Amino acid sequence: MAAPAAGEDFVAGDSVVAEALAGAAHGDAASCFDLGVAFSTGSHGAVCDLIEAHKWFNLATVYGHDEAAVCRAEVADDMTAREIAEAQRRARQWLGATVRKAA
């Protein structure tokens, strides 16, 4: 896994977030969705961070989660184009890092 992105380093102490990060590292859609929820609501020790929320909802969508695309769109309504681009960059970075790790 790549170095923690903004927002990830301070939430690792919460067991729900830690378990979700571990699941996300293995491509688990539900774990990515849970991280999106945590960052979009500021729950489980995560600070509300729409860029991180969008990133995790985007990854959950890629991994096949049914509700994630709707949540990603809702979060995007409150973001600038620059913030969405950053979230997409972080999602691509995560995917690249997890693919390299699996190889």
N, C-alpha and C. Protein backbone atom coordinates (compact mmCIF):
# COMPACT_ATOMS: atom_id res chain seq x y z
N MET A 1 0.85 -1.18 0.00
CA MET A 1 0.00 0.00 0.00
C MET A 1 0.89 1.23 0.00
N ALA A 2 0.44 2.26 -0.64
CA ALA A 2 1.18 3.52 -0.71
C ALA A 2 1.15 4.21 0.64
N ALA A 3 1.95 5.23 0.76
CA ALA A 3 1.93 6.04 1.98
C ALA A 3 0.53 6.58 2.19
N PRO A 4 0.12 6.76 3.43
CA PRO A 4 -1.23 7.25 3.68
C PRO A 4 -1.48 8.58 3.00
N ALA A 5 -2.64 8.70 2.41
CA ALA A 5 -3.05 9.97 1.82
C ALA A 5 -3.54 10.88 2.93
N ALA A 6 -3.80 12.10 2.58
CA ALA A 6 -4.32 13.04 3.57
C ALA A 6 -5.53 12.43 4.24
N GLY A 7 -5.56 12.48 5.55
CA GLY A 7 -6.71 11.98 6.27
C GLY A 7 -6.55 10.58 6.80
N GLU A 8 -5.70 9.75 6.18
CA GLU A 8 -5.62 8.36 6.59
C GLU A 8 -4.73 8.16 7.81
N ASP A 9 -3.68 8.97 7.98
CA ASP A 9 -2.73 8.73 9.04
C ASP A 9 -3.31 8.92 10.43
N PHE A 10 -4.26 9.80 10.61
CA PHE A 10 -4.78 10.07 11.94
C PHE A 10 -5.98 9.21 12.31
N VAL A 11 -6.49 8.42 11.40
CA VAL A 11 -7.66 7.59 11.72
C VAL A 11 -7.30 6.13 11.94
N ALA A 12 -6.04 5.78 11.73
CA ALA A 12 -5.65 4.37 11.80
C ALA A 12 -5.91 3.77 13.18
N GLY A 13 -6.02 4.57 14.23
CA GLY A 13 -6.27 4.06 15.57
C GLY A 13 -7.68 3.55 15.76
N ASP A 14 -8.62 3.95 14.96
CA ASP A 14 -10.00 3.48 15.08
C ASP A 14 -10.10 2.11 14.43
N SER A 15 -10.64 1.14 15.16
CA SER A 15 -10.66 -0.22 14.65
C SER A 15 -11.53 -0.37 13.40
N VAL A 16 -12.63 0.35 13.31
CA VAL A 16 -13.49 0.25 12.13
C VAL A 16 -12.73 0.75 10.90
N VAL A 17 -12.09 1.88 11.03
CA VAL A 17 -11.34 2.45 9.91
C VAL A 17 -10.14 1.58 9.59
N ALA A 18 -9.44 1.09 10.60
CA ALA A 18 -8.27 0.23 10.37
C ALA A 18 -8.68 -1.05 9.63
N GLU A 19 -9.78 -1.65 10.04
CA GLU A 19 -10.25 -2.85 9.36
C GLU A 19 -10.67 -2.54 7.92
N ALA A 20 -11.31 -1.40 7.73
CA ALA A 20 -11.72 -1.01 6.38
C ALA A 20 -10.51 -0.75 5.49
N LEU A 21 -9.48 -0.11 6.03
CA LEU A 21 -8.26 0.12 5.25
C LEU A 21 -7.61 -1.20 4.85
N ALA A 22 -7.60 -2.16 5.77
CA ALA A 22 -7.04 -3.48 5.45
C ALA A 22 -7.85 -4.16 4.35
N GLY A 23 -9.17 -4.09 4.46
CA GLY A 23 -10.02 -4.68 3.43
C GLY A 23 -9.87 -3.99 2.09
N ALA A 24 -9.75 -2.67 2.12
CA ALA A 24 -9.59 -1.90 0.88
C ALA A 24 -8.29 -2.27 0.19
N ALA A 25 -7.26 -2.56 0.96
CA ALA A 25 -5.97 -2.95 0.38
C ALA A 25 -6.08 -4.26 -0.40
N HIS A 26 -7.13 -5.03 -0.11
CA HIS A 26 -7.37 -6.29 -0.82
C HIS A 26 -8.49 -6.16 -1.85
N GLY A 27 -8.91 -4.93 -2.13
CA GLY A 27 -9.93 -4.70 -3.16
C GLY A 27 -11.35 -4.99 -2.72
N ASP A 28 -11.61 -4.92 -1.42
CA ASP A 28 -12.96 -5.18 -0.92
C ASP A 28 -13.84 -3.94 -1.09
N ALA A 29 -14.88 -4.08 -1.90
CA ALA A 29 -15.77 -2.95 -2.21
C ALA A 29 -16.46 -2.41 -0.98
N ALA A 30 -16.93 -3.29 -0.09
CA ALA A 30 -17.63 -2.84 1.11
C ALA A 30 -16.71 -2.03 2.02
N SER A 31 -15.45 -2.43 2.10
CA SER A 31 -14.49 -1.68 2.93
C SER A 31 -14.26 -0.29 2.36
N CYS A 32 -14.13 -0.20 1.04
CA CYS A 32 -13.97 1.12 0.41
C CYS A 32 -15.20 1.98 0.66
N PHE A 33 -16.38 1.37 0.55
CA PHE A 33 -17.62 2.11 0.80
C PHE A 33 -17.66 2.61 2.24
N ASP A 34 -17.29 1.76 3.19
CA ASP A 34 -17.26 2.16 4.61
C ASP A 34 -16.33 3.34 4.83
N LEU A 35 -15.19 3.34 4.16
CA LEU A 35 -14.27 4.47 4.27
C LEU A 35 -14.88 5.73 3.67
N GLY A 36 -15.59 5.59 2.56
CA GLY A 36 -16.28 6.73 1.98
C GLY A 36 -17.29 7.32 2.94
N VAL A 37 -18.03 6.45 3.60
CA VAL A 37 -19.02 6.91 4.59
C VAL A 37 -18.31 7.61 5.75
N ALA A 38 -17.24 7.00 6.26
CA ALA A 38 -16.53 7.59 7.39
C ALA A 38 -16.01 8.98 7.06
N PHE A 39 -15.41 9.14 5.88
CA PHE A 39 -14.86 10.45 5.51
C PHE A 39 -15.94 11.45 5.11
N SER A 40 -17.06 10.98 4.59
CA SER A 40 -18.11 11.93 4.21
C SER A 40 -18.91 12.41 5.41
N THR A 41 -18.93 11.63 6.48
CA THR A 41 -19.70 12.00 7.66
C THR A 41 -18.84 12.41 8.85
N GLY A 42 -17.55 12.18 8.75
CA GLY A 42 -16.67 12.48 9.88
C GLY A 42 -16.91 11.53 11.04
N SER A 43 -17.09 10.25 10.74
CA SER A 43 -17.35 9.27 11.79
C SER A 43 -16.17 8.31 11.97
N HIS A 44 -16.20 7.56 13.04
CA HIS A 44 -15.18 6.54 13.36
C HIS A 44 -13.78 7.13 13.42
N GLY A 45 -13.66 8.35 13.90
CA GLY A 45 -12.36 8.98 14.04
C GLY A 45 -11.86 9.70 12.80
N ALA A 46 -12.58 9.58 11.71
CA ALA A 46 -12.19 10.29 10.49
C ALA A 46 -12.75 11.71 10.51
N VAL A 47 -11.95 12.64 10.08
CA VAL A 47 -12.41 14.01 9.93
C VAL A 47 -13.15 14.08 8.60
N CYS A 48 -14.20 14.86 8.54
CA CYS A 48 -14.94 15.02 7.29
C CYS A 48 -13.99 15.57 6.22
N ASP A 49 -13.79 14.78 5.17
CA ASP A 49 -12.86 15.13 4.09
C ASP A 49 -13.51 14.64 2.79
N LEU A 50 -14.11 15.56 2.05
CA LEU A 50 -14.85 15.17 0.86
C LEU A 50 -13.96 14.61 -0.25
N ILE A 51 -12.72 15.05 -0.31
CA ILE A 51 -11.81 14.49 -1.31
C ILE A 51 -11.56 13.01 -1.02
N GLU A 52 -11.27 12.70 0.24
CA GLU A 52 -11.07 11.29 0.61
C GLU A 52 -12.36 10.49 0.46
N ALA A 53 -13.48 11.08 0.82
CA ALA A 53 -14.76 10.38 0.67
C ALA A 53 -15.01 10.04 -0.79
N HIS A 54 -14.82 11.01 -1.68
CA HIS A 54 -15.02 10.79 -3.11
C HIS A 54 -14.08 9.69 -3.60
N LYS A 55 -12.82 9.75 -3.17
CA LYS A 55 -11.84 8.72 -3.55
C LYS A 55 -12.34 7.33 -3.19
N TRP A 56 -12.78 7.16 -1.94
CA TRP A 56 -13.20 5.83 -1.48
C TRP A 56 -14.50 5.39 -2.14
N PHE A 57 -15.43 6.30 -2.35
CA PHE A 57 -16.66 5.93 -3.08
C PHE A 57 -16.31 5.55 -4.52
N ASN A 58 -15.36 6.26 -5.11
CA ASN A 58 -14.93 5.93 -6.47
C ASN A 58 -14.33 4.53 -6.52
N LEU A 59 -13.46 4.21 -5.57
CA LEU A 59 -12.86 2.88 -5.53
C LEU A 59 -13.91 1.81 -5.27
N ALA A 60 -14.85 2.09 -4.40
CA ALA A 60 -15.93 1.13 -4.14
C ALA A 60 -16.72 0.86 -5.41
N THR A 61 -16.95 1.90 -6.21
CA THR A 61 -17.64 1.75 -7.48
C THR A 61 -16.83 0.87 -8.43
N VAL A 62 -15.55 1.13 -8.51
CA VAL A 62 -14.67 0.32 -9.36
C VAL A 62 -14.72 -1.15 -8.97
N TYR A 63 -14.78 -1.41 -7.66
CA TYR A 63 -14.80 -2.78 -7.16
C TYR A 63 -16.20 -3.41 -7.17
N GLY A 64 -17.21 -2.64 -7.64
CA GLY A 64 -18.52 -3.22 -7.86
C GLY A 64 -19.58 -2.97 -6.80
N HIS A 65 -19.37 -2.00 -5.92
CA HIS A 65 -20.38 -1.70 -4.89
C HIS A 65 -21.56 -0.98 -5.54
N ASP A 66 -22.77 -1.46 -5.26
CA ASP A 66 -23.97 -0.94 -5.92
C ASP A 66 -24.33 0.50 -5.56
N GLU A 67 -24.17 0.90 -4.31
CA GLU A 67 -24.59 2.23 -3.85
C GLU A 67 -23.51 3.30 -3.98
N ALA A 68 -22.28 2.89 -4.20
CA ALA A 68 -21.15 3.82 -4.13
C ALA A 68 -21.22 4.95 -5.16
N ALA A 69 -21.68 4.66 -6.36
CA ALA A 69 -21.73 5.69 -7.39
C ALA A 69 -22.70 6.81 -7.01
N VAL A 70 -23.81 6.43 -6.40
CA VAL A 70 -24.79 7.44 -5.97
C VAL A 70 -24.18 8.31 -4.87
N CYS A 71 -23.50 7.68 -3.92
CA CYS A 71 -22.86 8.45 -2.83
C CYS A 71 -21.75 9.34 -3.37
N ARG A 72 -20.99 8.83 -4.33
CA ARG A 72 -19.92 9.63 -4.95
C ARG A 72 -20.52 10.88 -5.60
N ALA A 73 -21.63 10.72 -6.30
CA ALA A 73 -22.28 11.86 -6.96
C ALA A 73 -22.79 12.87 -5.94
N GLU A 74 -23.33 12.38 -4.83
CA GLU A 74 -23.82 13.29 -3.79
C GLU A 74 -22.68 14.09 -3.17
N VAL A 75 -21.57 13.44 -2.92
CA VAL A 75 -20.40 14.13 -2.37
C VAL A 75 -19.88 15.14 -3.39
N ALA A 76 -19.84 14.75 -4.66
CA ALA A 76 -19.31 15.62 -5.72
C ALA A 76 -20.11 16.92 -5.84
N ASP A 77 -21.40 16.87 -5.48
CA ASP A 77 -22.22 18.08 -5.54
C ASP A 77 -21.69 19.20 -4.64
N ASP A 78 -20.94 18.83 -3.60
CA ASP A 78 -20.40 19.81 -2.66
C ASP A 78 -18.90 20.08 -2.87
N MET A 79 -18.38 19.64 -4.03
CA MET A 79 -16.95 19.78 -4.30
C MET A 79 -16.71 20.65 -5.54
N THR A 80 -15.52 21.23 -5.59
CA THR A 80 -15.11 21.96 -6.78
C THR A 80 -14.55 20.97 -7.80
N ALA A 81 -14.41 21.42 -9.03
CA ALA A 81 -13.81 20.58 -10.07
C ALA A 81 -12.38 20.19 -9.70
N ARG A 82 -11.67 21.09 -9.09
CA ARG A 82 -10.28 20.82 -8.67
C ARG A 82 -10.25 19.75 -7.58
N GLU A 83 -11.18 19.81 -6.64
CA GLU A 83 -11.24 18.79 -5.58
C GLU A 83 -11.59 17.42 -6.16
N ILE A 84 -12.52 17.38 -7.11
CA ILE A 84 -12.88 16.11 -7.75
C ILE A 84 -11.69 15.54 -8.50
N ALA A 85 -10.95 16.39 -9.19
CA ALA A 85 -9.76 15.93 -9.91
C ALA A 85 -8.73 15.35 -8.94
N GLU A 86 -8.57 15.99 -7.79
CA GLU A 86 -7.64 15.48 -6.78
C GLU A 86 -8.11 14.13 -6.24
N ALA A 87 -9.39 13.99 -6.00
CA ALA A 87 -9.94 12.72 -5.52
C ALA A 87 -9.71 11.61 -6.55
N GLN A 88 -9.90 11.93 -7.80
CA GLN A 88 -9.68 10.95 -8.87
C GLN A 88 -8.20 10.58 -8.97
N ARG A 89 -7.33 11.56 -8.80
CA ARG A 89 -5.89 11.29 -8.82
C ARG A 89 -5.51 10.35 -7.69
N ARG A 90 -6.06 10.61 -6.49
CA ARG A 90 -5.77 9.75 -5.35
C ARG A 90 -6.30 8.33 -5.56
N ALA A 91 -7.46 8.20 -6.18
CA ALA A 91 -8.01 6.87 -6.46
C ALA A 91 -7.11 6.12 -7.44
N ARG A 92 -6.66 6.80 -8.49
CA ARG A 92 -5.75 6.17 -9.45
C ARG A 92 -4.45 5.76 -8.77
N GLN A 93 -3.96 6.62 -7.89
CA GLN A 93 -2.72 6.32 -7.16
C GLN A 93 -2.92 5.07 -6.29
N TRP A 94 -4.06 4.99 -5.60
CA TRP A 94 -4.36 3.83 -4.76
C TRP A 94 -4.41 2.57 -5.62
N LEU A 95 -5.11 2.63 -6.74
CA LEU A 95 -5.21 1.48 -7.63
C LEU A 95 -3.84 1.05 -8.13
N GLY A 96 -3.03 2.01 -8.53
CA GLY A 96 -1.68 1.70 -9.00
C GLY A 96 -0.84 1.06 -7.94
N ALA A 97 -0.93 1.55 -6.72
CA ALA A 97 -0.14 1.00 -5.63
C ALA A 97 -0.59 -0.41 -5.26
N THR A 98 -1.89 -0.66 -5.26
CA THR A 98 -2.37 -1.99 -4.89
C THR A 98 -2.11 -3.00 -5.99
N VAL A 99 -2.14 -2.58 -7.25
CA VAL A 99 -1.83 -3.49 -8.36
C VAL A 99 -0.35 -3.87 -8.31
N ARG A 100 0.53 -2.89 -8.06
CA ARG A 100 1.96 -3.17 -7.97
C ARG A 100 2.25 -4.10 -6.80
N LYS A 101 1.55 -3.91 -5.68
CA LYS A 101 1.77 -4.73 -4.50
C LYS A 101 1.36 -6.18 -4.78
N ALA A 102 0.28 -6.37 -5.53
CA ALA A 102 -0.20 -7.71 -5.82
C ALA A 102 0.67 -8.45 -6.83
N ALA A 103 1.39 -7.71 -7.63
CA ALA A 103 2.21 -8.34 -8.69
C ALA A 103 3.46 -9.00 -8.16
